[in-house]
Amino acid sequence: MSRMIRLRRLEEKDIPGMLEWMHDPEVNRWFRFDAASMTQERAERFIADSFTEENRHYAIANCDDEYLGTISLEEIDRENGHALYAISTRRCVWGSGAALAATHELLKIAFDELELERVYLNVLSENVRAKRLYEKAGFHHEGCFRRHLNIGGKWHDWDWFAILKDEFYAGNN
């Protein structure tokens, strides 16, 4: 499946798939925002505002144009050449390689089209599955904010990763 994915703009037809992962407790347990309360109407507004100068949210789609997840560049800062990366996929595509392929496509957009120098991300330290993906994609661990987030009355460490343009291309992506 990994070679058969593409990125495209989000469309209203993607809402059922979006709500699927947002309402899946196994998927959304790693989020800082309340994805479980997402509604059809809020998803429609999100899609309408999903492609701006500051934020680009793409659908990850397979060769049949089925929505697999959302991948994003947020807080795009062209002056300083960086953006925040985010991804979430439906559970049915976990382990397929689609997230890694989508990440490579997004990084090409970041570095070639947007001419950014750096893409960074943050993740809960205990989210081992996500950290494996990021490292496979070439992101480097840059540090940890210890006890940085209080979620549900429990303190969590917050890891930071980044990849530079020259690192991405040195990895023959």
N, C-alpha and C. Protein backbone atom coordinates (compact mmCIF):
# COMPACT_ATOMS: atom_id res chain seq x y z
N MET A 1 0.82 -1.20 0.00
CA MET A 1 0.00 0.00 0.00
C MET A 1 0.86 1.26 0.00
N SER A 2 2.05 1.21 0.59
CA SER A 2 2.82 2.44 0.80
C SER A 2 3.14 3.18 -0.48
N ARG A 3 3.36 2.49 -1.58
CA ARG A 3 3.68 3.15 -2.83
C ARG A 3 2.44 3.65 -3.55
N MET A 4 1.30 3.28 -3.05
CA MET A 4 0.07 3.61 -3.75
C MET A 4 -0.71 4.72 -3.04
N ILE A 5 -0.03 5.54 -2.31
CA ILE A 5 -0.72 6.64 -1.64
C ILE A 5 -0.39 7.95 -2.33
N ARG A 6 -1.28 8.91 -2.12
CA ARG A 6 -1.04 10.26 -2.60
C ARG A 6 -1.64 11.22 -1.59
N LEU A 7 -1.17 12.44 -1.64
CA LEU A 7 -1.72 13.50 -0.81
C LEU A 7 -2.60 14.38 -1.69
N ARG A 8 -3.73 14.78 -1.14
CA ARG A 8 -4.63 15.70 -1.84
C ARG A 8 -5.31 16.56 -0.80
N ARG A 9 -5.99 17.59 -1.26
CA ARG A 9 -6.74 18.42 -0.32
C ARG A 9 -7.87 17.61 0.31
N LEU A 10 -8.18 17.95 1.54
CA LEU A 10 -9.31 17.32 2.21
C LEU A 10 -10.61 17.70 1.52
N GLU A 11 -11.55 16.77 1.48
CA GLU A 11 -12.85 16.99 0.87
C GLU A 11 -13.94 16.52 1.83
N GLU A 12 -15.14 17.00 1.63
CA GLU A 12 -16.25 16.61 2.52
C GLU A 12 -16.49 15.11 2.52
N LYS A 13 -16.18 14.43 1.42
CA LYS A 13 -16.36 12.98 1.38
C LYS A 13 -15.43 12.26 2.36
N ASP A 14 -14.42 12.96 2.90
CA ASP A 14 -13.47 12.37 3.85
C ASP A 14 -14.00 12.36 5.28
N ILE A 15 -15.09 13.06 5.53
CA ILE A 15 -15.57 13.23 6.91
C ILE A 15 -15.84 11.89 7.61
N PRO A 16 -16.50 10.92 7.00
CA PRO A 16 -16.71 9.65 7.73
C PRO A 16 -15.40 9.01 8.19
N GLY A 17 -14.38 9.02 7.34
CA GLY A 17 -13.08 8.47 7.74
C GLY A 17 -12.40 9.29 8.82
N MET A 18 -12.55 10.61 8.73
CA MET A 18 -11.99 11.47 9.76
C MET A 18 -12.64 11.19 11.11
N LEU A 19 -13.96 11.13 11.10
CA LEU A 19 -14.67 10.88 12.36
C LEU A 19 -14.35 9.49 12.90
N GLU A 20 -14.07 8.54 12.01
CA GLU A 20 -13.70 7.19 12.45
C GLU A 20 -12.48 7.22 13.36
N TRP A 21 -11.38 7.87 12.89
CA TRP A 21 -10.18 7.88 13.73
C TRP A 21 -10.33 8.82 14.91
N MET A 22 -11.06 9.90 14.74
CA MET A 22 -11.24 10.83 15.85
C MET A 22 -12.05 10.22 16.99
N HIS A 23 -12.96 9.33 16.66
CA HIS A 23 -13.80 8.69 17.68
C HIS A 23 -13.25 7.35 18.13
N ASP A 24 -12.11 6.94 17.62
CA ASP A 24 -11.47 5.67 17.99
C ASP A 24 -10.57 5.92 19.20
N PRO A 25 -10.93 5.37 20.36
CA PRO A 25 -10.14 5.64 21.58
C PRO A 25 -8.68 5.19 21.46
N GLU A 26 -8.40 4.16 20.71
CA GLU A 26 -7.02 3.70 20.55
C GLU A 26 -6.19 4.70 19.74
N VAL A 27 -6.82 5.38 18.81
CA VAL A 27 -6.12 6.38 18.00
C VAL A 27 -5.98 7.69 18.77
N ASN A 28 -7.07 8.16 19.34
CA ASN A 28 -7.05 9.51 19.91
C ASN A 28 -6.51 9.59 21.34
N ARG A 29 -6.10 8.50 21.90
CA ARG A 29 -5.56 8.56 23.27
C ARG A 29 -4.25 9.33 23.34
N TRP A 30 -3.63 9.57 22.18
CA TRP A 30 -2.35 10.27 22.15
C TRP A 30 -2.50 11.76 21.88
N PHE A 31 -3.73 12.24 21.75
CA PHE A 31 -3.95 13.63 21.37
C PHE A 31 -4.09 14.53 22.58
N ARG A 32 -3.71 15.80 22.40
CA ARG A 32 -3.91 16.82 23.42
C ARG A 32 -5.28 17.47 23.26
N PHE A 33 -5.90 17.33 22.10
CA PHE A 33 -7.20 17.94 21.87
C PHE A 33 -8.29 16.88 21.97
N ASP A 34 -9.50 17.33 22.15
CA ASP A 34 -10.64 16.43 22.35
C ASP A 34 -11.22 15.99 21.01
N ALA A 35 -10.57 15.03 20.36
CA ALA A 35 -11.02 14.55 19.06
C ALA A 35 -12.34 13.80 19.16
N ALA A 36 -12.58 13.16 20.29
CA ALA A 36 -13.78 12.34 20.44
C ALA A 36 -15.07 13.15 20.35
N SER A 37 -14.99 14.45 20.59
CA SER A 37 -16.20 15.27 20.52
C SER A 37 -16.40 15.93 19.15
N MET A 38 -15.57 15.57 18.18
CA MET A 38 -15.69 16.14 16.83
C MET A 38 -17.04 15.75 16.22
N THR A 39 -17.68 16.71 15.61
CA THR A 39 -18.97 16.49 14.96
C THR A 39 -18.83 16.67 13.45
N GLN A 40 -19.84 16.26 12.74
CA GLN A 40 -19.90 16.44 11.29
C GLN A 40 -19.72 17.93 10.93
N GLU A 41 -20.43 18.80 11.64
CA GLU A 41 -20.38 20.23 11.35
C GLU A 41 -18.99 20.81 11.60
N ARG A 42 -18.37 20.42 12.70
CA ARG A 42 -17.02 20.91 13.00
C ARG A 42 -16.01 20.38 11.98
N ALA A 43 -16.20 19.14 11.54
CA ALA A 43 -15.32 18.57 10.51
C ALA A 43 -15.47 19.33 9.19
N GLU A 44 -16.69 19.72 8.86
CA GLU A 44 -16.92 20.51 7.65
C GLU A 44 -16.19 21.84 7.72
N ARG A 45 -16.25 22.50 8.88
CA ARG A 45 -15.55 23.78 9.06
C ARG A 45 -14.03 23.59 8.98
N PHE A 46 -13.54 22.49 9.59
CA PHE A 46 -12.11 22.20 9.54
C PHE A 46 -11.66 22.05 8.09
N ILE A 47 -12.41 21.31 7.29
CA ILE A 47 -12.05 21.10 5.89
C ILE A 47 -12.08 22.42 5.13
N ALA A 48 -13.08 23.24 5.39
CA ALA A 48 -13.19 24.53 4.70
C ALA A 48 -11.98 25.42 4.98
N ASP A 49 -11.40 25.29 6.16
CA ASP A 49 -10.26 26.12 6.56
C ASP A 49 -8.93 25.36 6.52
N SER A 50 -8.88 24.25 5.82
CA SER A 50 -7.74 23.34 5.93
C SER A 50 -6.53 23.69 5.07
N PHE A 51 -6.65 24.69 4.21
CA PHE A 51 -5.54 24.97 3.30
C PHE A 51 -5.32 26.47 3.23
N THR A 52 -4.39 26.95 4.07
CA THR A 52 -4.09 28.37 4.13
C THR A 52 -2.58 28.57 4.03
N GLU A 53 -2.15 29.82 4.09
CA GLU A 53 -0.71 30.10 4.09
C GLU A 53 -0.04 29.55 5.35
N GLU A 54 -0.77 29.51 6.47
CA GLU A 54 -0.19 29.08 7.75
C GLU A 54 -0.37 27.59 8.03
N ASN A 55 -1.37 26.97 7.45
CA ASN A 55 -1.67 25.56 7.74
C ASN A 55 -2.11 24.85 6.47
N ARG A 56 -1.54 23.67 6.25
CA ARG A 56 -1.95 22.84 5.13
C ARG A 56 -2.23 21.44 5.66
N HIS A 57 -3.49 21.07 5.61
CA HIS A 57 -3.93 19.75 6.05
C HIS A 57 -4.32 18.96 4.81
N TYR A 58 -3.66 17.84 4.58
CA TYR A 58 -3.88 17.01 3.40
C TYR A 58 -4.57 15.70 3.81
N ALA A 59 -5.34 15.18 2.88
CA ALA A 59 -5.84 13.82 3.01
C ALA A 59 -4.76 12.87 2.50
N ILE A 60 -4.57 11.78 3.20
CA ILE A 60 -3.78 10.67 2.70
C ILE A 60 -4.79 9.75 2.02
N ALA A 61 -4.59 9.48 0.74
CA ALA A 61 -5.55 8.67 -0.01
C ALA A 61 -4.83 7.53 -0.72
N ASN A 62 -5.55 6.42 -0.90
CA ASN A 62 -4.99 5.29 -1.65
C ASN A 62 -5.31 5.44 -3.13
N CYS A 63 -4.95 4.44 -3.92
CA CYS A 63 -5.15 4.53 -5.38
C CYS A 63 -6.63 4.59 -5.76
N ASP A 64 -7.51 4.16 -4.87
CA ASP A 64 -8.96 4.26 -5.12
C ASP A 64 -9.53 5.56 -4.55
N ASP A 65 -8.67 6.46 -4.12
CA ASP A 65 -9.03 7.74 -3.53
C ASP A 65 -9.77 7.60 -2.20
N GLU A 66 -9.57 6.47 -1.52
CA GLU A 66 -10.14 6.27 -0.19
C GLU A 66 -9.31 7.04 0.84
N TYR A 67 -9.98 7.77 1.70
CA TYR A 67 -9.33 8.55 2.76
C TYR A 67 -8.72 7.59 3.78
N LEU A 68 -7.42 7.77 4.07
CA LEU A 68 -6.71 6.93 5.03
C LEU A 68 -6.33 7.69 6.30
N GLY A 69 -6.22 9.00 6.20
CA GLY A 69 -5.81 9.80 7.34
C GLY A 69 -5.55 11.23 6.92
N THR A 70 -5.09 12.01 7.87
CA THR A 70 -4.77 13.42 7.64
C THR A 70 -3.31 13.65 8.02
N ILE A 71 -2.61 14.41 7.18
CA ILE A 71 -1.22 14.77 7.46
C ILE A 71 -1.09 16.27 7.22
N SER A 72 -0.33 16.94 8.06
CA SER A 72 -0.37 18.40 8.07
C SER A 72 0.99 19.05 8.24
N LEU A 73 1.07 20.25 7.68
CA LEU A 73 2.10 21.22 8.01
C LEU A 73 1.34 22.38 8.65
N GLU A 74 1.67 22.67 9.89
CA GLU A 74 0.98 23.71 10.64
C GLU A 74 1.97 24.78 11.06
N GLU A 75 1.43 25.95 11.38
CA GLU A 75 2.27 27.06 11.84
C GLU A 75 3.42 27.31 10.86
N ILE A 76 3.11 27.27 9.57
CA ILE A 76 4.13 27.47 8.53
C ILE A 76 4.71 28.87 8.67
N ASP A 77 6.01 28.94 8.84
CA ASP A 77 6.72 30.20 9.00
C ASP A 77 7.75 30.29 7.88
N ARG A 78 7.37 30.94 6.81
CA ARG A 78 8.26 31.02 5.64
C ARG A 78 9.48 31.90 5.92
N GLU A 79 9.29 32.93 6.72
CA GLU A 79 10.41 33.83 7.03
C GLU A 79 11.54 33.07 7.72
N ASN A 80 11.18 32.21 8.67
CA ASN A 80 12.18 31.44 9.41
C ASN A 80 12.35 30.02 8.88
N GLY A 81 11.57 29.65 7.87
CA GLY A 81 11.77 28.39 7.17
C GLY A 81 11.42 27.13 7.93
N HIS A 82 10.34 27.16 8.71
CA HIS A 82 9.97 25.94 9.42
C HIS A 82 8.47 25.77 9.54
N ALA A 83 8.06 24.55 9.87
CA ALA A 83 6.65 24.23 10.08
C ALA A 83 6.55 23.03 11.02
N LEU A 84 5.40 22.93 11.65
CA LEU A 84 5.08 21.83 12.56
C LEU A 84 4.39 20.73 11.77
N TYR A 85 4.84 19.50 11.93
CA TYR A 85 4.30 18.32 11.27
C TYR A 85 3.29 17.64 12.19
N ALA A 86 2.23 17.10 11.60
CA ALA A 86 1.26 16.29 12.37
C ALA A 86 0.67 15.25 11.43
N ILE A 87 0.31 14.11 12.00
CA ILE A 87 -0.31 13.04 11.22
C ILE A 87 -1.24 12.23 12.11
N SER A 88 -2.33 11.76 11.52
CA SER A 88 -3.19 10.78 12.18
C SER A 88 -3.84 9.94 11.10
N THR A 89 -3.86 8.65 11.32
CA THR A 89 -4.43 7.74 10.33
C THR A 89 -5.50 6.86 10.96
N ARG A 90 -6.33 6.34 10.09
CA ARG A 90 -7.31 5.35 10.53
C ARG A 90 -6.54 4.09 10.97
N ARG A 91 -7.07 3.41 11.95
CA ARG A 91 -6.37 2.25 12.49
C ARG A 91 -6.19 1.16 11.44
N CYS A 92 -7.09 1.07 10.48
CA CYS A 92 -7.03 0.01 9.47
C CYS A 92 -5.79 0.09 8.58
N VAL A 93 -5.07 1.21 8.60
CA VAL A 93 -3.86 1.32 7.77
C VAL A 93 -2.58 1.22 8.59
N TRP A 94 -2.70 1.04 9.90
CA TRP A 94 -1.51 0.92 10.73
C TRP A 94 -0.66 -0.26 10.24
N GLY A 95 0.63 -0.05 10.17
CA GLY A 95 1.55 -1.10 9.78
C GLY A 95 1.66 -1.32 8.28
N SER A 96 0.93 -0.55 7.48
CA SER A 96 0.93 -0.74 6.03
C SER A 96 2.04 0.02 5.31
N GLY A 97 2.67 0.94 5.99
CA GLY A 97 3.67 1.80 5.34
C GLY A 97 3.09 3.08 4.77
N ALA A 98 1.77 3.23 4.84
CA ALA A 98 1.12 4.42 4.27
C ALA A 98 1.56 5.69 5.00
N ALA A 99 1.69 5.65 6.31
CA ALA A 99 2.08 6.84 7.07
C ALA A 99 3.50 7.27 6.70
N LEU A 100 4.40 6.32 6.53
CA LEU A 100 5.77 6.65 6.15
C LEU A 100 5.80 7.24 4.74
N ALA A 101 5.09 6.63 3.81
CA ALA A 101 5.05 7.15 2.44
C ALA A 101 4.44 8.55 2.41
N ALA A 102 3.37 8.77 3.18
CA ALA A 102 2.73 10.08 3.23
C ALA A 102 3.67 11.11 3.84
N THR A 103 4.42 10.71 4.85
CA THR A 103 5.38 11.62 5.49
C THR A 103 6.44 12.05 4.48
N HIS A 104 6.95 11.12 3.69
CA HIS A 104 7.95 11.48 2.68
C HIS A 104 7.37 12.45 1.66
N GLU A 105 6.13 12.22 1.24
CA GLU A 105 5.48 13.12 0.29
C GLU A 105 5.31 14.52 0.89
N LEU A 106 4.91 14.57 2.15
CA LEU A 106 4.71 15.86 2.81
C LEU A 106 6.04 16.60 2.95
N LEU A 107 7.09 15.88 3.29
CA LEU A 107 8.40 16.52 3.44
C LEU A 107 8.90 17.06 2.09
N LYS A 108 8.59 16.37 1.00
CA LYS A 108 8.94 16.91 -0.32
C LYS A 108 8.22 18.24 -0.57
N ILE A 109 6.95 18.31 -0.20
CA ILE A 109 6.21 19.56 -0.33
C ILE A 109 6.85 20.66 0.53
N ALA A 110 7.17 20.30 1.77
CA ALA A 110 7.76 21.27 2.69
C ALA A 110 9.08 21.82 2.16
N PHE A 111 9.93 20.94 1.69
CA PHE A 111 11.28 21.36 1.30
C PHE A 111 11.36 21.87 -0.14
N ASP A 112 10.58 21.31 -1.05
CA ASP A 112 10.66 21.72 -2.46
C ASP A 112 9.70 22.86 -2.78
N GLU A 113 8.43 22.66 -2.49
CA GLU A 113 7.42 23.65 -2.86
C GLU A 113 7.45 24.87 -1.93
N LEU A 114 7.46 24.62 -0.63
CA LEU A 114 7.42 25.72 0.34
C LEU A 114 8.81 26.26 0.67
N GLU A 115 9.84 25.54 0.25
CA GLU A 115 11.24 25.92 0.46
C GLU A 115 11.57 26.14 1.93
N LEU A 116 11.05 25.27 2.78
CA LEU A 116 11.37 25.33 4.20
C LEU A 116 12.73 24.70 4.45
N GLU A 117 13.30 25.02 5.57
CA GLU A 117 14.60 24.48 5.97
C GLU A 117 14.45 23.38 7.02
N ARG A 118 13.33 23.39 7.75
CA ARG A 118 13.20 22.50 8.90
C ARG A 118 11.73 22.18 9.12
N VAL A 119 11.45 20.92 9.45
CA VAL A 119 10.12 20.49 9.86
C VAL A 119 10.28 19.81 11.21
N TYR A 120 9.45 20.20 12.15
CA TYR A 120 9.58 19.67 13.51
C TYR A 120 8.25 19.12 13.98
N LEU A 121 8.30 18.38 15.08
CA LEU A 121 7.08 17.81 15.67
C LEU A 121 7.30 17.61 17.15
N ASN A 122 6.18 17.42 17.83
CA ASN A 122 6.23 17.04 19.24
C ASN A 122 5.29 15.88 19.46
N VAL A 123 5.60 15.05 20.45
CA VAL A 123 4.86 13.82 20.67
C VAL A 123 4.99 13.42 22.14
N LEU A 124 3.95 12.83 22.68
CA LEU A 124 4.04 12.31 24.04
C LEU A 124 5.15 11.26 24.09
N SER A 125 5.99 11.32 25.09
CA SER A 125 7.15 10.42 25.17
C SER A 125 6.76 8.95 25.14
N GLU A 126 5.61 8.61 25.70
CA GLU A 126 5.23 7.19 25.74
C GLU A 126 4.60 6.67 24.45
N ASN A 127 4.47 7.53 23.43
CA ASN A 127 3.89 7.10 22.15
C ASN A 127 5.00 6.48 21.28
N VAL A 128 5.37 5.26 21.63
CA VAL A 128 6.49 4.57 21.01
C VAL A 128 6.24 4.30 19.52
N ARG A 129 5.03 3.91 19.16
CA ARG A 129 4.70 3.62 17.75
C ARG A 129 4.96 4.86 16.88
N ALA A 130 4.49 6.01 17.32
CA ALA A 130 4.69 7.24 16.55
C ALA A 130 6.17 7.59 16.45
N LYS A 131 6.89 7.47 17.55
CA LYS A 131 8.32 7.83 17.53
C LYS A 131 9.10 6.93 16.57
N ARG A 132 8.71 5.66 16.46
CA ARG A 132 9.37 4.77 15.48
C ARG A 132 9.15 5.28 14.06
N LEU A 133 7.91 5.71 13.76
CA LEU A 133 7.61 6.26 12.43
C LEU A 133 8.49 7.47 12.17
N TYR A 134 8.55 8.40 13.11
CA TYR A 134 9.30 9.63 12.91
C TYR A 134 10.78 9.35 12.67
N GLU A 135 11.34 8.43 13.44
CA GLU A 135 12.75 8.09 13.26
C GLU A 135 12.98 7.41 11.92
N LYS A 136 12.07 6.53 11.50
CA LYS A 136 12.17 5.89 10.19
C LYS A 136 12.13 6.91 9.06
N ALA A 137 11.35 7.97 9.25
CA ALA A 137 11.22 9.02 8.24
C ALA A 137 12.42 9.96 8.23
N GLY A 138 13.32 9.83 9.20
CA GLY A 138 14.53 10.65 9.23
C GLY A 138 14.53 11.77 10.25
N PHE A 139 13.48 11.89 11.04
CA PHE A 139 13.45 12.90 12.08
C PHE A 139 14.45 12.52 13.18
N HIS A 140 15.05 13.53 13.80
CA HIS A 140 16.00 13.34 14.88
C HIS A 140 15.41 13.86 16.19
N HIS A 141 15.61 13.09 17.25
CA HIS A 141 15.16 13.51 18.58
C HIS A 141 16.01 14.69 19.02
N GLU A 142 15.36 15.78 19.39
CA GLU A 142 16.09 16.98 19.78
C GLU A 142 16.01 17.28 21.27
N GLY A 143 15.08 16.63 21.95
CA GLY A 143 15.01 16.89 23.38
C GLY A 143 13.66 16.50 23.96
N CYS A 144 13.58 16.65 25.26
CA CYS A 144 12.38 16.27 25.99
C CYS A 144 12.03 17.36 26.99
N PHE A 145 10.78 17.80 26.93
CA PHE A 145 10.26 18.68 27.97
C PHE A 145 9.64 17.78 29.02
N ARG A 146 10.31 17.65 30.14
CA ARG A 146 9.85 16.74 31.19
C ARG A 146 8.63 17.30 31.92
N ARG A 147 7.68 16.41 32.19
CA ARG A 147 6.43 16.78 32.88
C ARG A 147 5.85 18.07 32.31
N HIS A 148 5.72 18.11 31.02
CA HIS A 148 5.31 19.32 30.30
C HIS A 148 3.80 19.44 30.15
N LEU A 149 3.10 18.31 30.08
CA LEU A 149 1.66 18.34 29.85
C LEU A 149 0.93 17.60 30.96
N ASN A 150 -0.15 18.20 31.40
CA ASN A 150 -1.01 17.55 32.39
C ASN A 150 -2.29 17.14 31.66
N ILE A 151 -2.42 15.86 31.45
CA ILE A 151 -3.58 15.31 30.75
C ILE A 151 -4.32 14.40 31.71
N GLY A 152 -5.55 14.76 31.99
CA GLY A 152 -6.35 13.95 32.90
C GLY A 152 -5.77 13.81 34.29
N GLY A 153 -5.05 14.83 34.73
CA GLY A 153 -4.47 14.79 36.06
C GLY A 153 -3.14 14.06 36.15
N LYS A 154 -2.60 13.64 35.02
CA LYS A 154 -1.33 12.92 34.99
C LYS A 154 -0.32 13.71 34.16
N TRP A 155 0.90 13.84 34.67
CA TRP A 155 1.96 14.57 33.97
C TRP A 155 2.60 13.68 32.92
N HIS A 156 2.90 14.30 31.76
CA HIS A 156 3.52 13.59 30.64
C HIS A 156 4.72 14.37 30.12
N ASP A 157 5.73 13.61 29.71
CA ASP A 157 6.88 14.21 29.04
C ASP A 157 6.53 14.43 27.57
N TRP A 158 7.17 15.41 26.97
CA TRP A 158 6.87 15.85 25.60
C TRP A 158 8.17 15.84 24.81
N ASP A 159 8.30 14.91 23.85
CA ASP A 159 9.51 14.81 23.04
C ASP A 159 9.41 15.68 21.79
N TRP A 160 10.56 16.21 21.39
CA TRP A 160 10.65 17.05 20.20
C TRP A 160 11.57 16.39 19.19
N PHE A 161 11.12 16.38 17.94
CA PHE A 161 11.89 15.82 16.83
C PHE A 161 11.92 16.85 15.71
N ALA A 162 12.94 16.75 14.84
CA ALA A 162 12.99 17.62 13.66
C ALA A 162 13.82 16.95 12.57
N ILE A 163 13.58 17.41 11.36
CA ILE A 163 14.39 17.00 10.21
C ILE A 163 14.70 18.26 9.41
N LEU A 164 15.95 18.36 8.98
CA LEU A 164 16.39 19.48 8.16
C LEU A 164 16.35 19.07 6.69
N LYS A 165 16.23 20.04 5.85
CA LYS A 165 16.15 19.79 4.40
C LYS A 165 17.32 18.94 3.92
N ASP A 166 18.54 19.32 4.29
CA ASP A 166 19.70 18.56 3.80
C ASP A 166 19.74 17.15 4.37
N GLU A 167 19.24 16.94 5.57
CA GLU A 167 19.16 15.59 6.15
C GLU A 167 18.16 14.73 5.36
N PHE A 168 17.04 15.33 5.00
CA PHE A 168 16.02 14.61 4.23
C PHE A 168 16.60 14.13 2.91
N TYR A 169 17.29 15.01 2.20
CA TYR A 169 17.82 14.63 0.89
C TYR A 169 19.07 13.78 1.00
N ALA A 170 19.80 13.87 2.08
CA ALA A 170 20.95 12.99 2.30
C ALA A 170 20.49 11.54 2.51
N GLY A 171 19.27 11.39 3.00
CA GLY A 171 18.70 10.05 3.21
C GLY A 171 18.12 9.46 1.95
N ASN A 172 18.34 10.10 0.80
CA ASN A 172 17.87 9.62 -0.51
C ASN A 172 16.37 9.47 -0.57
N ASN A 173 15.65 10.40 0.02
CA ASN A 173 14.20 10.35 0.00
C ASN A 173 13.72 10.90 -1.30
